[in-house]
Amino acid sequence: MIRVLVVDDEALIRGGFTHILSSADDIEVVAAVPGGQALPAVHEAHPDVVLLDIRMPDVDGLTVLGEIRRMTDPPVVAMLTTFDADEYVAAALRSGAAGFLLKDTDPEQLPHLVRALAEGGTVLSSKVTRTVVDGYLDQGAREPATRLTARLTDRERAVLVLMATGLGNTDIGRRMHLSTGTVKGHVSAVLNKLEVGSRVQAALIAERAGLLGPARDEDAP
């Protein structure tokens, strides 16, 4: 079972996400709490995935993210927002968020996205991806990104492209006919050569370098 913690100050959002995710046989919502209870809930419930609102009246979502990321063996965290142009997108990704979801994400997609997060994948709403690429990233970043990706072997570049589409290690292994352990080794090599600390940052470099092709119309993965 994938253990999920939902953190949002709106009871309607907490209830809606809990209802949708609990309908999946392989997902358990272990807690749904307002922002002030987020950190105690992480310590007590030991979730695999945290869906964390970025804007809450009683506590800053970025502060909570930072505290979670400093924990030993922290859960995966994806940020929630109602704004596709939220100015905190870049800050959240730099702070180690594994993804960024709009609260109006298609309910049918939500369990799939949580599974991707639990597998080590990245999840970025296509609208958020365009915001990050068009706003946070400037055109001058393309050349350095191209130089960074030139460090990769052909196989590592293929792994990077699949990482950037949101796939976790298991799915990458299936696509490339590799063991999960081998994929983990390639992912580590990619992150080291690109000089980044997260798969999301690696995905943004792949976008800058032009490896991903036209923007997708659906949420990743």
N, C-alpha and C. Protein backbone atom coordinates (compact mmCIF):
# COMPACT_ATOMS: atom_id res chain seq x y z
N MET A 1 0.83 -1.20 0.00
CA MET A 1 0.00 0.00 0.00
C MET A 1 0.87 1.25 0.00
N ILE A 2 0.45 2.24 -0.77
CA ILE A 2 1.12 3.54 -0.78
C ILE A 2 0.44 4.41 0.27
N ARG A 3 1.20 4.86 1.24
CA ARG A 3 0.67 5.65 2.35
C ARG A 3 0.77 7.13 1.99
N VAL A 4 -0.36 7.82 2.03
CA VAL A 4 -0.42 9.21 1.58
C VAL A 4 -0.91 10.11 2.71
N LEU A 5 -0.25 11.26 2.86
CA LEU A 5 -0.68 12.31 3.79
C LEU A 5 -1.11 13.51 2.96
N VAL A 6 -2.31 14.01 3.21
CA VAL A 6 -2.82 15.19 2.53
C VAL A 6 -2.77 16.36 3.51
N VAL A 7 -2.12 17.45 3.10
CA VAL A 7 -2.00 18.63 3.96
C VAL A 7 -2.61 19.83 3.24
N ASP A 8 -3.71 20.32 3.76
CA ASP A 8 -4.39 21.47 3.17
C ASP A 8 -5.30 22.08 4.23
N ASP A 9 -5.38 23.40 4.28
CA ASP A 9 -6.21 24.04 5.28
C ASP A 9 -7.69 24.03 4.92
N GLU A 10 -8.03 23.66 3.72
CA GLU A 10 -9.44 23.60 3.32
C GLU A 10 -9.97 22.18 3.52
N ALA A 11 -10.97 22.04 4.38
CA ALA A 11 -11.53 20.72 4.67
C ALA A 11 -12.11 20.07 3.42
N LEU A 12 -12.64 20.88 2.51
CA LEU A 12 -13.23 20.35 1.28
C LEU A 12 -12.16 19.69 0.42
N ILE A 13 -10.99 20.32 0.33
CA ILE A 13 -9.89 19.74 -0.45
C ILE A 13 -9.40 18.45 0.21
N ARG A 14 -9.23 18.49 1.52
CA ARG A 14 -8.77 17.29 2.22
C ARG A 14 -9.75 16.14 2.01
N GLY A 15 -11.03 16.45 2.15
CA GLY A 15 -12.04 15.41 1.99
C GLY A 15 -12.11 14.88 0.57
N GLY A 16 -11.99 15.77 -0.41
CA GLY A 16 -12.05 15.35 -1.80
C GLY A 16 -10.88 14.47 -2.19
N PHE A 17 -9.68 14.89 -1.80
CA PHE A 17 -8.50 14.08 -2.13
C PHE A 17 -8.56 12.73 -1.42
N THR A 18 -9.00 12.74 -0.16
CA THR A 18 -9.10 11.49 0.59
C THR A 18 -10.07 10.53 -0.09
N HIS A 19 -11.22 11.04 -0.50
CA HIS A 19 -12.23 10.20 -1.15
C HIS A 19 -11.69 9.61 -2.45
N ILE A 20 -11.06 10.44 -3.27
CA ILE A 20 -10.56 9.99 -4.57
C ILE A 20 -9.46 8.94 -4.39
N LEU A 21 -8.50 9.24 -3.53
CA LEU A 21 -7.36 8.33 -3.38
C LEU A 21 -7.74 7.04 -2.67
N SER A 22 -8.66 7.12 -1.72
CA SER A 22 -9.06 5.92 -0.98
C SER A 22 -9.82 4.93 -1.84
N SER A 23 -10.29 5.39 -2.99
CA SER A 23 -11.00 4.48 -3.90
C SER A 23 -10.05 3.54 -4.62
N ALA A 24 -8.75 3.83 -4.57
CA ALA A 24 -7.75 2.98 -5.21
C ALA A 24 -7.35 1.87 -4.24
N ASP A 25 -7.24 0.65 -4.75
CA ASP A 25 -6.94 -0.51 -3.90
C ASP A 25 -5.55 -0.46 -3.29
N ASP A 26 -4.62 0.26 -3.94
CA ASP A 26 -3.23 0.24 -3.49
C ASP A 26 -2.80 1.52 -2.79
N ILE A 27 -3.77 2.39 -2.45
CA ILE A 27 -3.44 3.66 -1.81
C ILE A 27 -4.23 3.80 -0.52
N GLU A 28 -3.55 4.21 0.55
CA GLU A 28 -4.19 4.46 1.83
C GLU A 28 -3.87 5.89 2.27
N VAL A 29 -4.89 6.68 2.51
CA VAL A 29 -4.69 8.02 3.06
C VAL A 29 -4.57 7.86 4.58
N VAL A 30 -3.35 8.00 5.08
CA VAL A 30 -3.10 7.74 6.50
C VAL A 30 -3.47 8.92 7.37
N ALA A 31 -3.57 10.11 6.77
CA ALA A 31 -4.01 11.29 7.51
C ALA A 31 -4.29 12.40 6.51
N ALA A 32 -5.22 13.30 6.90
CA ALA A 32 -5.52 14.49 6.11
C ALA A 32 -5.66 15.62 7.11
N VAL A 33 -4.70 16.56 7.11
CA VAL A 33 -4.61 17.53 8.19
C VAL A 33 -4.39 18.94 7.66
N PRO A 34 -4.71 19.96 8.46
CA PRO A 34 -4.34 21.34 8.11
C PRO A 34 -2.84 21.53 8.29
N GLY A 35 -2.35 22.67 7.79
CA GLY A 35 -0.91 22.90 7.75
C GLY A 35 -0.21 22.84 9.09
N GLY A 36 -0.84 23.34 10.15
CA GLY A 36 -0.21 23.35 11.45
C GLY A 36 0.05 21.98 12.02
N GLN A 37 -0.64 20.97 11.50
CA GLN A 37 -0.47 19.60 11.99
C GLN A 37 0.38 18.75 11.06
N ALA A 38 0.96 19.36 10.04
CA ALA A 38 1.66 18.61 9.00
C ALA A 38 2.86 17.84 9.55
N LEU A 39 3.76 18.51 10.25
CA LEU A 39 4.97 17.85 10.71
C LEU A 39 4.70 16.75 11.72
N PRO A 40 3.85 16.98 12.74
CA PRO A 40 3.52 15.86 13.63
C PRO A 40 2.91 14.68 12.87
N ALA A 41 2.08 14.97 11.87
CA ALA A 41 1.45 13.89 11.10
C ALA A 41 2.47 13.08 10.32
N VAL A 42 3.49 13.75 9.78
CA VAL A 42 4.55 13.03 9.06
C VAL A 42 5.27 12.09 10.02
N HIS A 43 5.61 12.59 11.22
CA HIS A 43 6.32 11.77 12.20
C HIS A 43 5.47 10.60 12.68
N GLU A 44 4.17 10.82 12.85
CA GLU A 44 3.31 9.79 13.42
C GLU A 44 2.82 8.79 12.38
N ALA A 45 2.49 9.26 11.16
CA ALA A 45 1.85 8.40 10.17
C ALA A 45 2.83 7.75 9.20
N HIS A 46 4.06 8.27 9.12
CA HIS A 46 5.09 7.72 8.24
C HIS A 46 4.58 7.51 6.80
N PRO A 47 4.13 8.57 6.16
CA PRO A 47 3.62 8.43 4.79
C PRO A 47 4.76 8.20 3.79
N ASP A 48 4.40 7.60 2.67
CA ASP A 48 5.33 7.48 1.55
C ASP A 48 5.30 8.74 0.68
N VAL A 49 4.12 9.33 0.58
CA VAL A 49 3.90 10.52 -0.27
C VAL A 49 3.13 11.55 0.53
N VAL A 50 3.57 12.81 0.45
CA VAL A 50 2.85 13.92 1.06
C VAL A 50 2.38 14.86 -0.04
N LEU A 51 1.10 15.16 -0.05
CA LEU A 51 0.54 16.17 -0.95
C LEU A 51 0.34 17.42 -0.10
N LEU A 52 1.11 18.46 -0.36
CA LEU A 52 1.24 19.60 0.55
C LEU A 52 0.83 20.90 -0.13
N ASP A 53 -0.16 21.56 0.44
CA ASP A 53 -0.59 22.86 -0.08
C ASP A 53 0.54 23.87 0.09
N ILE A 54 0.78 24.66 -0.94
CA ILE A 54 1.88 25.62 -0.86
C ILE A 54 1.48 26.91 -0.17
N ARG A 55 0.17 27.23 -0.15
CA ARG A 55 -0.30 28.47 0.47
C ARG A 55 -1.33 28.15 1.54
N MET A 56 -0.93 28.36 2.80
CA MET A 56 -1.85 28.11 3.91
C MET A 56 -1.76 29.27 4.88
N PRO A 57 -2.86 29.63 5.53
CA PRO A 57 -2.86 30.81 6.39
C PRO A 57 -2.05 30.66 7.67
N ASP A 58 -1.95 29.42 8.19
CA ASP A 58 -1.30 29.26 9.49
C ASP A 58 0.17 28.85 9.40
N VAL A 59 0.59 28.38 8.24
CA VAL A 59 1.99 27.97 8.08
C VAL A 59 2.34 28.03 6.59
N ASP A 60 3.58 28.39 6.30
CA ASP A 60 4.05 28.47 4.91
C ASP A 60 4.38 27.07 4.40
N GLY A 61 3.80 26.70 3.27
CA GLY A 61 4.05 25.38 2.70
C GLY A 61 5.51 25.13 2.39
N LEU A 62 6.24 26.17 1.95
CA LEU A 62 7.66 26.01 1.65
C LEU A 62 8.46 25.71 2.92
N THR A 63 8.05 26.33 4.03
CA THR A 63 8.71 26.05 5.31
C THR A 63 8.50 24.60 5.72
N VAL A 64 7.26 24.13 5.58
CA VAL A 64 6.95 22.73 5.90
C VAL A 64 7.76 21.79 5.00
N LEU A 65 7.83 22.12 3.71
CA LEU A 65 8.62 21.31 2.78
C LEU A 65 10.07 21.22 3.23
N GLY A 66 10.64 22.36 3.60
CA GLY A 66 12.02 22.36 4.06
C GLY A 66 12.24 21.50 5.28
N GLU A 67 11.30 21.55 6.23
CA GLU A 67 11.41 20.73 7.44
C GLU A 67 11.32 19.24 7.10
N ILE A 68 10.42 18.91 6.20
CA ILE A 68 10.27 17.50 5.81
C ILE A 68 11.54 17.01 5.12
N ARG A 69 12.08 17.82 4.22
CA ARG A 69 13.26 17.41 3.47
C ARG A 69 14.48 17.22 4.37
N ARG A 70 14.48 17.84 5.54
CA ARG A 70 15.60 17.68 6.47
C ARG A 70 15.47 16.45 7.35
N MET A 71 14.34 15.76 7.27
CA MET A 71 14.15 14.55 8.06
C MET A 71 15.02 13.42 7.52
N THR A 72 15.32 12.45 8.38
CA THR A 72 15.98 11.24 7.94
C THR A 72 15.00 10.40 7.13
N ASP A 73 15.39 10.01 5.94
CA ASP A 73 14.53 9.23 5.05
C ASP A 73 13.16 9.90 4.88
N PRO A 74 13.13 11.10 4.32
CA PRO A 74 11.86 11.84 4.21
C PRO A 74 10.94 11.24 3.15
N PRO A 75 9.63 11.47 3.28
CA PRO A 75 8.70 11.03 2.24
C PRO A 75 8.84 11.91 1.00
N VAL A 76 8.29 11.44 -0.09
CA VAL A 76 8.20 12.24 -1.31
C VAL A 76 7.15 13.32 -1.10
N VAL A 77 7.44 14.54 -1.54
CA VAL A 77 6.50 15.65 -1.36
C VAL A 77 6.16 16.28 -2.71
N ALA A 78 4.87 16.39 -2.99
CA ALA A 78 4.39 17.14 -4.15
C ALA A 78 3.55 18.30 -3.65
N MET A 79 3.74 19.46 -4.24
CA MET A 79 3.05 20.66 -3.80
C MET A 79 1.70 20.81 -4.52
N LEU A 80 0.72 21.32 -3.79
CA LEU A 80 -0.62 21.57 -4.33
C LEU A 80 -0.86 23.07 -4.43
N THR A 81 -1.52 23.49 -5.49
CA THR A 81 -1.88 24.89 -5.63
C THR A 81 -3.10 25.04 -6.52
N THR A 82 -3.77 26.17 -6.40
CA THR A 82 -4.88 26.49 -7.30
C THR A 82 -4.40 27.38 -8.43
N PHE A 83 -3.12 27.77 -8.38
CA PHE A 83 -2.61 28.75 -9.34
C PHE A 83 -1.59 28.10 -10.26
N ASP A 84 -1.83 28.16 -11.58
CA ASP A 84 -0.87 27.57 -12.51
C ASP A 84 0.33 28.49 -12.74
N ALA A 85 0.26 29.72 -12.24
CA ALA A 85 1.38 30.64 -12.39
C ALA A 85 1.90 31.08 -11.03
N ASP A 86 1.78 30.21 -10.05
CA ASP A 86 2.20 30.54 -8.69
C ASP A 86 3.68 30.89 -8.67
N GLU A 87 4.02 32.02 -8.06
CA GLU A 87 5.42 32.46 -8.05
C GLU A 87 6.31 31.58 -7.19
N TYR A 88 5.70 30.69 -6.40
CA TYR A 88 6.48 29.81 -5.55
C TYR A 88 6.88 28.50 -6.23
N VAL A 89 6.48 28.31 -7.47
CA VAL A 89 6.78 27.07 -8.18
C VAL A 89 8.27 26.78 -8.17
N ALA A 90 9.07 27.74 -8.63
CA ALA A 90 10.51 27.52 -8.73
C ALA A 90 11.13 27.26 -7.37
N ALA A 91 10.70 28.02 -6.36
CA ALA A 91 11.25 27.85 -5.02
C ALA A 91 10.94 26.46 -4.48
N ALA A 92 9.73 25.97 -4.73
CA ALA A 92 9.35 24.64 -4.25
C ALA A 92 10.21 23.56 -4.92
N LEU A 93 10.43 23.70 -6.22
CA LEU A 93 11.23 22.71 -6.92
C LEU A 93 12.68 22.75 -6.47
N ARG A 94 13.21 23.95 -6.26
CA ARG A 94 14.58 24.07 -5.76
C ARG A 94 14.72 23.48 -4.36
N SER A 95 13.64 23.51 -3.60
CA SER A 95 13.68 23.02 -2.21
C SER A 95 13.48 21.53 -2.11
N GLY A 96 13.31 20.86 -3.23
CA GLY A 96 13.24 19.41 -3.21
C GLY A 96 11.87 18.81 -3.43
N ALA A 97 10.88 19.61 -3.83
CA ALA A 97 9.57 19.03 -4.15
C ALA A 97 9.70 18.11 -5.36
N ALA A 98 9.02 16.98 -5.30
CA ALA A 98 9.08 16.01 -6.40
C ALA A 98 8.07 16.31 -7.48
N GLY A 99 7.23 17.31 -7.26
CA GLY A 99 6.24 17.64 -8.27
C GLY A 99 5.39 18.80 -7.82
N PHE A 100 4.50 19.19 -8.73
CA PHE A 100 3.65 20.34 -8.49
C PHE A 100 2.33 20.07 -9.18
N LEU A 101 1.25 20.03 -8.39
CA LEU A 101 -0.06 19.67 -8.91
C LEU A 101 -1.06 20.80 -8.71
N LEU A 102 -1.88 21.03 -9.70
CA LEU A 102 -3.01 21.93 -9.53
C LEU A 102 -4.12 21.19 -8.81
N LYS A 103 -4.87 21.90 -7.97
CA LYS A 103 -5.94 21.25 -7.21
C LYS A 103 -7.09 20.80 -8.08
N ASP A 104 -7.15 21.31 -9.31
CA ASP A 104 -8.21 20.86 -10.22
C ASP A 104 -7.73 19.75 -11.15
N THR A 105 -6.67 19.04 -10.75
CA THR A 105 -6.20 17.88 -11.50
C THR A 105 -7.35 16.90 -11.70
N ASP A 106 -7.43 16.31 -12.87
CA ASP A 106 -8.46 15.33 -13.19
C ASP A 106 -8.48 14.24 -12.11
N PRO A 107 -9.62 14.03 -11.43
CA PRO A 107 -9.67 13.02 -10.37
C PRO A 107 -9.23 11.63 -10.82
N GLU A 108 -9.49 11.29 -12.07
CA GLU A 108 -9.09 9.97 -12.56
C GLU A 108 -7.58 9.85 -12.65
N GLN A 109 -6.88 10.98 -12.80
CA GLN A 109 -5.44 10.96 -12.91
C GLN A 109 -4.73 10.93 -11.56
N LEU A 110 -5.42 11.37 -10.52
CA LEU A 110 -4.76 11.56 -9.23
C LEU A 110 -4.11 10.29 -8.67
N PRO A 111 -4.80 9.14 -8.61
CA PRO A 111 -4.13 7.94 -8.11
C PRO A 111 -2.92 7.56 -8.95
N HIS A 112 -3.02 7.73 -10.26
CA HIS A 112 -1.90 7.42 -11.15
C HIS A 112 -0.70 8.30 -10.83
N LEU A 113 -0.95 9.58 -10.57
CA LEU A 113 0.13 10.50 -10.26
C LEU A 113 0.78 10.17 -8.92
N VAL A 114 -0.03 9.78 -7.94
CA VAL A 114 0.51 9.38 -6.64
C VAL A 114 1.38 8.13 -6.79
N ARG A 115 0.95 7.19 -7.60
CA ARG A 115 1.77 6.00 -7.84
C ARG A 115 3.12 6.38 -8.46
N ALA A 116 3.08 7.31 -9.40
CA ALA A 116 4.33 7.76 -10.02
C ALA A 116 5.26 8.38 -8.99
N LEU A 117 4.71 9.20 -8.09
CA LEU A 117 5.52 9.80 -7.04
C LEU A 117 6.13 8.74 -6.14
N ALA A 118 5.34 7.75 -5.76
CA ALA A 118 5.82 6.69 -4.87
C ALA A 118 6.92 5.86 -5.52
N GLU A 119 6.89 5.77 -6.85
CA GLU A 119 7.90 5.01 -7.59
C GLU A 119 9.16 5.82 -7.85
N GLY A 120 9.18 7.06 -7.37
CA GLY A 120 10.36 7.89 -7.59
C GLY A 120 10.26 8.78 -8.81
N GLY A 121 9.07 8.81 -9.43
CA GLY A 121 8.88 9.66 -10.60
C GLY A 121 8.63 11.10 -10.22
N THR A 122 8.57 11.95 -11.23
CA THR A 122 8.26 13.36 -11.04
C THR A 122 6.89 13.64 -11.63
N VAL A 123 6.19 14.56 -11.02
CA VAL A 123 4.85 14.91 -11.48
C VAL A 123 4.76 16.42 -11.60
N LEU A 124 4.56 16.89 -12.82
CA LEU A 124 4.38 18.32 -13.06
C LEU A 124 3.17 18.51 -13.96
N SER A 125 2.21 19.28 -13.50
CA SER A 125 1.12 19.66 -14.37
C SER A 125 1.72 20.30 -15.62
N SER A 126 1.14 20.01 -16.78
CA SER A 126 1.67 20.59 -18.02
C SER A 126 1.62 22.11 -17.97
N LYS A 127 0.61 22.68 -17.30
CA LYS A 127 0.52 24.14 -17.17
C LYS A 127 1.67 24.65 -16.31
N VAL A 128 1.97 23.93 -15.24
CA VAL A 128 3.07 24.34 -14.37
C VAL A 128 4.40 24.20 -15.10
N THR A 129 4.55 23.14 -15.89
CA THR A 129 5.78 22.96 -16.65
C THR A 129 6.04 24.15 -17.54
N ARG A 130 5.02 24.61 -18.23
CA ARG A 130 5.20 25.75 -19.12
C ARG A 130 5.52 27.01 -18.32
N THR A 131 4.90 27.16 -17.14
CA THR A 131 5.21 28.31 -16.29
C THR A 131 6.68 28.30 -15.89
N VAL A 132 7.16 27.14 -15.48
CA VAL A 132 8.55 27.03 -15.05
C VAL A 132 9.49 27.31 -16.21
N VAL A 133 9.23 26.67 -17.34
CA VAL A 133 10.14 26.80 -18.47
C VAL A 133 10.11 28.20 -19.07
N ASP A 134 8.91 28.78 -19.20
CA ASP A 134 8.79 30.08 -19.83
C ASP A 134 9.11 31.24 -18.90
N GLY A 135 8.93 31.05 -17.59
CA GLY A 135 9.17 32.13 -16.65
C GLY A 135 10.47 31.98 -15.91
N TYR A 136 10.61 30.90 -15.17
CA TYR A 136 11.78 30.68 -14.33
C TYR A 136 13.06 30.48 -15.15
N LEU A 137 12.95 29.76 -16.26
CA LEU A 137 14.11 29.50 -17.10
C LEU A 137 14.20 30.53 -18.21
N ASP A 138 15.37 31.10 -18.42
CA ASP A 138 15.53 32.05 -19.52
C ASP A 138 16.19 31.36 -20.71
N GLN A 139 16.14 32.01 -21.85
CA GLN A 139 16.67 31.40 -23.07
C GLN A 139 18.18 31.18 -22.98
N GLY A 140 18.86 32.03 -22.20
CA GLY A 140 20.30 31.87 -22.06
C GLY A 140 20.71 30.60 -21.36
N ALA A 141 19.75 29.93 -20.70
CA ALA A 141 20.09 28.70 -19.98
C ALA A 141 20.23 27.51 -20.92
N ARG A 142 19.80 27.64 -22.16
CA ARG A 142 19.80 26.51 -23.08
C ARG A 142 21.21 25.98 -23.34
N GLU A 143 22.17 26.89 -23.57
CA GLU A 143 23.52 26.45 -23.90
C GLU A 143 24.17 25.69 -22.75
N PRO A 144 24.15 26.21 -21.50
CA PRO A 144 24.71 25.43 -20.40
C PRO A 144 24.03 24.07 -20.24
N ALA A 145 22.72 24.01 -20.41
CA ALA A 145 22.02 22.74 -20.29
C ALA A 145 22.49 21.76 -21.35
N THR A 146 22.70 22.24 -22.54
CA THR A 146 23.19 21.39 -23.62
C THR A 146 24.58 20.84 -23.29
N ARG A 147 25.42 21.69 -22.70
CA ARG A 147 26.76 21.22 -22.31
C ARG A 147 26.68 20.18 -21.20
N LEU A 148 25.76 20.38 -20.27
CA LEU A 148 25.61 19.41 -19.18
C LEU A 148 25.14 18.06 -19.71
N THR A 149 24.14 18.05 -20.56
CA THR A 149 23.63 16.77 -21.09
C THR A 149 24.63 16.10 -22.02
N ALA A 150 25.57 16.86 -22.55
CA ALA A 150 26.61 16.26 -23.40
C ALA A 150 27.54 15.36 -22.59
N ARG A 151 27.53 15.51 -21.26
CA ARG A 151 28.34 14.66 -20.41
C ARG A 151 27.79 13.23 -20.31
N LEU A 152 26.54 13.07 -20.65
CA LEU A 152 25.86 11.80 -20.45
C LEU A 152 26.17 10.81 -21.57
N THR A 153 26.18 9.53 -21.21
CA THR A 153 26.25 8.50 -22.24
C THR A 153 24.89 8.40 -22.93
N ASP A 154 24.83 7.69 -24.03
CA ASP A 154 23.56 7.54 -24.74
C ASP A 154 22.51 6.91 -23.84
N ARG A 155 22.91 5.91 -23.06
CA ARG A 155 21.94 5.25 -22.19
C ARG A 155 21.49 6.18 -21.07
N GLU A 156 22.41 6.95 -20.51
CA GLU A 156 22.04 7.89 -19.46
C GLU A 156 21.12 8.97 -20.01
N ARG A 157 21.34 9.39 -21.24
CA ARG A 157 20.46 10.40 -21.84
C ARG A 157 19.06 9.81 -22.03
N ALA A 158 18.98 8.55 -22.42
CA ALA A 158 17.67 7.90 -22.58
C ALA A 158 16.96 7.80 -21.23
N VAL A 159 17.72 7.50 -20.18
CA VAL A 159 17.15 7.44 -18.83
C VAL A 159 16.65 8.83 -18.43
N LEU A 160 17.42 9.86 -18.72
CA LEU A 160 17.02 11.23 -18.38
C LEU A 160 15.71 11.60 -19.05
N VAL A 161 15.55 11.28 -20.32
CA VAL A 161 14.32 11.61 -21.03
C VAL A 161 13.12 10.92 -20.38
N LEU A 162 13.28 9.66 -20.00
CA LEU A 162 12.18 8.95 -19.35
C LEU A 162 11.92 9.49 -17.95
N MET A 163 12.98 9.87 -17.22
CA MET A 163 12.81 10.54 -15.93
C MET A 163 11.99 11.81 -16.11
N ALA A 164 12.30 12.56 -17.15
CA ALA A 164 11.66 13.85 -17.36
C ALA A 164 10.20 13.72 -17.74
N THR A 165 9.79 12.55 -18.24
CA THR A 165 8.38 12.34 -18.53
C THR A 165 7.60 11.89 -17.31
N GLY A 166 8.32 11.72 -16.17
CA GLY A 166 7.66 11.41 -14.91
C GLY A 166 7.71 9.95 -14.50
N LEU A 167 8.39 9.11 -15.26
CA LEU A 167 8.42 7.69 -14.94
C LEU A 167 9.32 7.40 -13.74
N GLY A 168 8.90 6.44 -12.92
CA GLY A 168 9.72 5.97 -11.82
C GLY A 168 10.70 4.91 -12.30
N ASN A 169 11.56 4.44 -11.40
CA ASN A 169 12.61 3.51 -11.78
C ASN A 169 12.08 2.20 -12.36
N THR A 170 11.01 1.69 -11.78
CA THR A 170 10.47 0.42 -12.26
C THR A 170 9.98 0.53 -13.69
N ASP A 171 9.23 1.60 -13.99
CA ASP A 171 8.71 1.79 -15.34
C ASP A 171 9.83 2.07 -16.34
N ILE A 172 10.85 2.81 -15.91
CA ILE A 172 12.00 3.05 -16.80
C ILE A 172 12.66 1.72 -17.12
N GLY A 173 12.80 0.87 -16.10
CA GLY A 173 13.40 -0.44 -16.32
C GLY A 173 12.62 -1.26 -17.32
N ARG A 174 11.29 -1.22 -17.22
CA ARG A 174 10.46 -1.96 -18.18
C ARG A 174 10.67 -1.44 -19.60
N ARG A 175 10.69 -0.12 -19.73
CA ARG A 175 10.84 0.49 -21.06
C ARG A 175 12.20 0.13 -21.68
N MET A 176 13.24 0.11 -20.85
CA MET A 176 14.60 -0.07 -21.36
C MET A 176 15.13 -1.49 -21.17
N HIS A 177 14.26 -2.39 -20.62
CA HIS A 177 14.64 -3.79 -20.39
C HIS A 177 15.87 -3.87 -19.47
N LEU A 178 15.80 -3.11 -18.38
CA LEU A 178 16.87 -3.08 -17.39
C LEU A 178 16.30 -3.40 -16.02
N SER A 179 17.13 -3.87 -15.11
CA SER A 179 16.69 -4.11 -13.74
C SER A 179 16.51 -2.76 -13.03
N THR A 180 15.69 -2.77 -11.99
CA THR A 180 15.49 -1.54 -11.22
C THR A 180 16.80 -1.06 -10.61
N GLY A 181 17.62 -1.99 -10.14
CA GLY A 181 18.91 -1.61 -9.58
C GLY A 181 19.81 -0.92 -10.59
N THR A 182 19.80 -1.44 -11.82
CA THR A 182 20.60 -0.82 -12.88
C THR A 182 20.10 0.58 -13.18
N VAL A 183 18.77 0.74 -13.20
CA VAL A 183 18.20 2.07 -13.46
C VAL A 183 18.60 3.03 -12.35
N LYS A 184 18.54 2.58 -11.11
CA LYS A 184 18.94 3.45 -9.99
C LYS A 184 20.37 3.93 -10.17
N GLY A 185 21.24 3.04 -10.64
CA GLY A 185 22.62 3.44 -10.88
C GLY A 185 22.74 4.50 -11.96
N HIS A 186 21.96 4.33 -13.03
CA HIS A 186 21.97 5.33 -14.11
C HIS A 186 21.40 6.66 -13.63
N VAL A 187 20.34 6.61 -12.82
CA VAL A 187 19.74 7.85 -12.30
C VAL A 187 20.75 8.60 -11.45
N SER A 188 21.47 7.88 -10.59
CA SER A 188 22.49 8.52 -9.75
C SER A 188 23.57 9.16 -10.61
N ALA A 189 23.98 8.46 -11.67
CA ALA A 189 25.00 9.00 -12.56
C ALA A 189 24.50 10.26 -13.26
N VAL A 190 23.24 10.24 -13.69
CA VAL A 190 22.65 11.41 -14.36
C VAL A 190 22.64 12.61 -13.43
N LEU A 191 22.17 12.42 -12.19
CA LEU A 191 22.10 13.53 -11.25
C LEU A 191 23.49 14.08 -10.95
N ASN A 192 24.46 13.19 -10.81
CA ASN A 192 25.82 13.64 -10.54
C ASN A 192 26.40 14.44 -11.71
N LYS A 193 26.22 13.93 -12.91
CA LYS A 193 26.80 14.60 -14.09
C LYS A 193 26.10 15.92 -14.40
N LEU A 194 24.81 16.00 -14.07
CA LEU A 194 24.08 17.24 -14.30
C LEU A 194 24.24 18.22 -13.14
N GLU A 195 24.86 17.75 -12.06
CA GLU A 195 25.12 18.59 -10.88
C GLU A 195 23.83 19.10 -10.25
N VAL A 196 22.86 18.20 -10.10
CA VAL A 196 21.58 18.55 -9.48
C VAL A 196 21.28 17.55 -8.38
N GLY A 197 20.34 17.94 -7.51
CA GLY A 197 20.00 17.09 -6.38
C GLY A 197 18.67 16.40 -6.47
N SER A 198 17.91 16.64 -7.54
CA SER A 198 16.59 16.02 -7.65
C SER A 198 16.26 15.69 -9.09
N ARG A 199 15.32 14.78 -9.25
CA ARG A 199 14.88 14.37 -10.58
C ARG A 199 14.14 15.51 -11.28
N VAL A 200 13.45 16.34 -10.51
CA VAL A 200 12.74 17.46 -11.13
C VAL A 200 13.73 18.43 -11.75
N GLN A 201 14.80 18.74 -11.03
CA GLN A 201 15.81 19.64 -11.57
C GLN A 201 16.45 19.04 -12.82
N ALA A 202 16.66 17.72 -12.81
CA ALA A 202 17.19 17.06 -14.01
C ALA A 202 16.22 17.18 -15.17
N ALA A 203 14.92 17.05 -14.87
CA ALA A 203 13.90 17.18 -15.91
C ALA A 203 13.91 18.57 -16.52
N LEU A 204 14.12 19.60 -15.70
CA LEU A 204 14.15 20.96 -16.22
C LEU A 204 15.37 21.18 -17.12
N ILE A 205 16.48 20.55 -16.76
CA ILE A 205 17.66 20.65 -17.63
C ILE A 205 17.39 19.95 -18.96
N ALA A 206 16.71 18.81 -18.92
CA ALA A 206 16.36 18.13 -20.16
C ALA A 206 15.47 19.01 -21.02
N GLU A 207 14.54 19.74 -20.38
CA GLU A 207 13.67 20.66 -21.12
C GLU A 207 14.50 21.78 -21.74
N ARG A 208 15.40 22.36 -20.95
CA ARG A 208 16.24 23.44 -21.45
C ARG A 208 17.08 22.99 -22.64
N ALA A 209 17.57 21.75 -22.56
CA ALA A 209 18.46 21.24 -23.60
C ALA A 209 17.70 20.80 -24.85
N GLY A 210 16.38 20.87 -24.81
CA GLY A 210 15.59 20.51 -25.98
C GLY A 210 15.43 19.02 -26.20
N LEU A 211 15.57 18.21 -25.12
CA LEU A 211 15.48 16.76 -25.26
C LEU A 211 14.06 16.22 -25.24
N LEU A 212 13.11 17.04 -24.83
CA LEU A 212 11.77 16.52 -24.60
C LEU A 212 10.81 16.75 -25.74
N GLY A 213 11.17 17.55 -26.71
CA GLY A 213 10.29 17.79 -27.84
C GLY A 213 9.15 18.70 -27.47
N PRO A 214 8.04 18.70 -28.24
CA PRO A 214 6.91 19.58 -27.98
C PRO A 214 6.31 19.32 -26.61
N ALA A 215 5.77 20.40 -26.00
CA ALA A 215 5.10 20.27 -24.70
C ALA A 215 3.94 19.33 -24.80
N ARG A 216 3.73 18.55 -23.74
CA ARG A 216 2.61 17.62 -23.72
C ARG A 216 1.33 18.31 -23.29
N ASP A 217 0.22 17.75 -23.72
CA ASP A 217 -1.08 18.34 -23.38
C ASP A 217 -1.64 17.80 -22.09
N GLU A 218 -1.12 16.65 -21.64
CA GLU A 218 -1.65 16.03 -20.43
C GLU A 218 -0.67 16.23 -19.30
N ASP A 219 -1.15 16.00 -18.08
CA ASP A 219 -0.27 16.03 -16.93
C ASP A 219 0.71 14.87 -17.02
N ALA A 220 1.92 15.10 -16.51
CA ALA A 220 2.91 14.03 -16.49
C ALA A 220 2.65 13.16 -15.28
N PRO A 221 2.96 11.85 -15.36
CA PRO A 221 3.52 11.22 -16.52
C PRO A 221 2.45 10.83 -17.50
